[in-house]
Amino acid sequence: MPWLRHPGSRRRRGSHRLALALWLARAGVRARVVEREPSPPRTSRAIAVQARTLELYRQLGIADDAVERGRPLEALNFWLHGEKAAPRSFR
């Protein structure tokens, strides 16, 4: 199985590696995504899926499933210098 490394993978996080693996799988190429951290993060790293991401998911045939499995955004907290600066409820 070939190993692929994004030039910025040491400093960047996000779904770009997973998206690449999905596209490779669609093309019949086996790929493995390896997470450097020993466990999942305890806090959210994303609050929404961008429209362009949904377009790519639709091309892969997984957009409807991704939206169905998502969770509605109920509240959001903005922090500034370690203090809650702007709580926002969407209920």
Protein backbone atom coordinates (compact mmCIF):
# COMPACT_ATOMS: atom_id res chain seq x y z
CA MET A 1 0.00 0.00 0.00
CA PRO A 2 1.54 3.34 -0.99
CA TRP A 3 2.05 6.00 1.64
CA LEU A 4 1.06 9.53 0.74
CA ARG A 5 2.15 12.54 2.71
CA HIS A 6 0.78 16.01 2.24
CA PRO A 7 3.63 18.55 2.45
CA GLY A 8 1.86 20.41 5.27
CA SER A 9 0.50 17.38 7.12
CA ARG A 10 2.73 17.93 10.14
CA ARG A 11 1.19 21.30 10.90
CA ARG A 12 -2.26 21.12 9.39
CA ARG A 13 -5.28 19.22 10.53
CA GLY A 14 -8.59 18.79 8.91
CA SER A 15 -10.45 16.62 6.51
CA HIS A 16 -8.14 17.04 3.51
CA ARG A 17 -6.38 13.72 4.16
CA LEU A 18 -9.68 11.91 4.59
CA ALA A 19 -11.05 13.49 1.41
CA LEU A 20 -7.95 12.39 -0.47
CA ALA A 21 -8.37 8.84 0.83
CA LEU A 22 -12.02 8.84 -0.29
CA TRP A 23 -11.10 10.00 -3.79
CA LEU A 24 -8.33 7.42 -4.02
CA ALA A 25 -10.74 4.68 -2.92
CA ARG A 26 -13.18 5.79 -5.59
CA ALA A 27 -10.37 5.41 -8.13
CA GLY A 28 -9.58 1.92 -6.83
CA VAL A 29 -6.42 2.91 -4.95
CA ARG A 30 -6.07 1.64 -1.39
CA ALA A 31 -4.99 4.29 1.08
CA ARG A 32 -4.62 4.52 4.84
CA VAL A 33 -5.19 7.63 6.95
CA VAL A 34 -3.01 7.61 10.06
CA GLU A 35 -3.79 9.91 12.94
CA ARG A 36 -0.78 11.12 14.91
CA GLU A 37 -2.71 11.65 18.14
CA PRO A 38 -3.32 8.57 20.34
CA SER A 39 -7.01 9.40 20.87
CA PRO A 40 -9.71 11.60 19.35
CA PRO A 41 -9.81 15.26 20.44
CA ARG A 42 -12.05 16.07 23.40
CA THR A 43 -13.45 19.22 21.79
CA SER A 44 -14.98 19.91 18.40
CA ARG A 45 -12.67 21.03 15.63
CA ALA A 46 -15.44 21.93 13.20
CA ILE A 47 -18.95 23.26 13.55
CA ALA A 48 -20.23 23.01 10.00
CA VAL A 49 -19.71 21.42 6.63
CA GLN A 50 -18.97 23.94 3.91
CA ALA A 51 -21.02 23.97 0.72
CA ARG A 52 -18.00 22.97 -1.39
CA THR A 53 -17.38 19.99 0.87
CA LEU A 54 -20.97 18.88 0.37
CA GLU A 55 -20.48 19.20 -3.39
CA LEU A 56 -17.50 16.86 -3.18
CA TYR A 57 -19.44 14.49 -0.91
CA ARG A 58 -22.28 14.49 -3.45
CA GLN A 59 -19.84 13.46 -6.18
CA LEU A 60 -18.67 10.63 -3.92
CA GLY A 61 -22.27 9.62 -3.20
CA ILE A 62 -22.06 10.26 0.55
CA ALA A 63 -23.61 13.74 0.96
CA ASP A 64 -27.08 12.64 2.03
CA ASP A 65 -25.65 10.19 4.57
CA ALA A 66 -23.26 12.83 5.95
CA VAL A 67 -26.08 15.35 6.41
CA GLU A 68 -28.34 12.72 7.98
CA ARG A 69 -25.63 11.75 10.48
CA GLY A 70 -24.85 15.36 11.35
CA ARG A 71 -26.09 17.16 14.41
CA PRO A 72 -27.94 20.47 14.36
CA LEU A 73 -25.97 23.36 15.82
CA GLU A 74 -27.77 24.38 19.02
CA ALA A 75 -25.26 26.71 20.65
CA LEU A 76 -21.88 28.25 20.08
CA ASN A 77 -19.36 29.91 22.40
CA PHE A 78 -16.70 32.32 21.23
CA TRP A 79 -13.70 32.57 23.54
CA LEU A 80 -11.23 35.44 23.86
CA HIS A 81 -8.10 35.21 26.00
CA GLY A 82 -9.46 32.20 27.90
CA GLU A 83 -12.83 33.79 28.71
CA LYS A 84 -16.23 33.20 27.15
CA ALA A 85 -16.78 36.34 25.09
CA ALA A 86 -19.94 35.71 23.09
CA PRO A 87 -22.24 32.79 23.83
CA ARG A 88 -24.90 32.26 21.17
CA SER A 89 -27.95 29.97 21.27
CA PHE A 90 -29.67 28.82 18.07
CA ARG A 91 -32.79 27.32 19.66
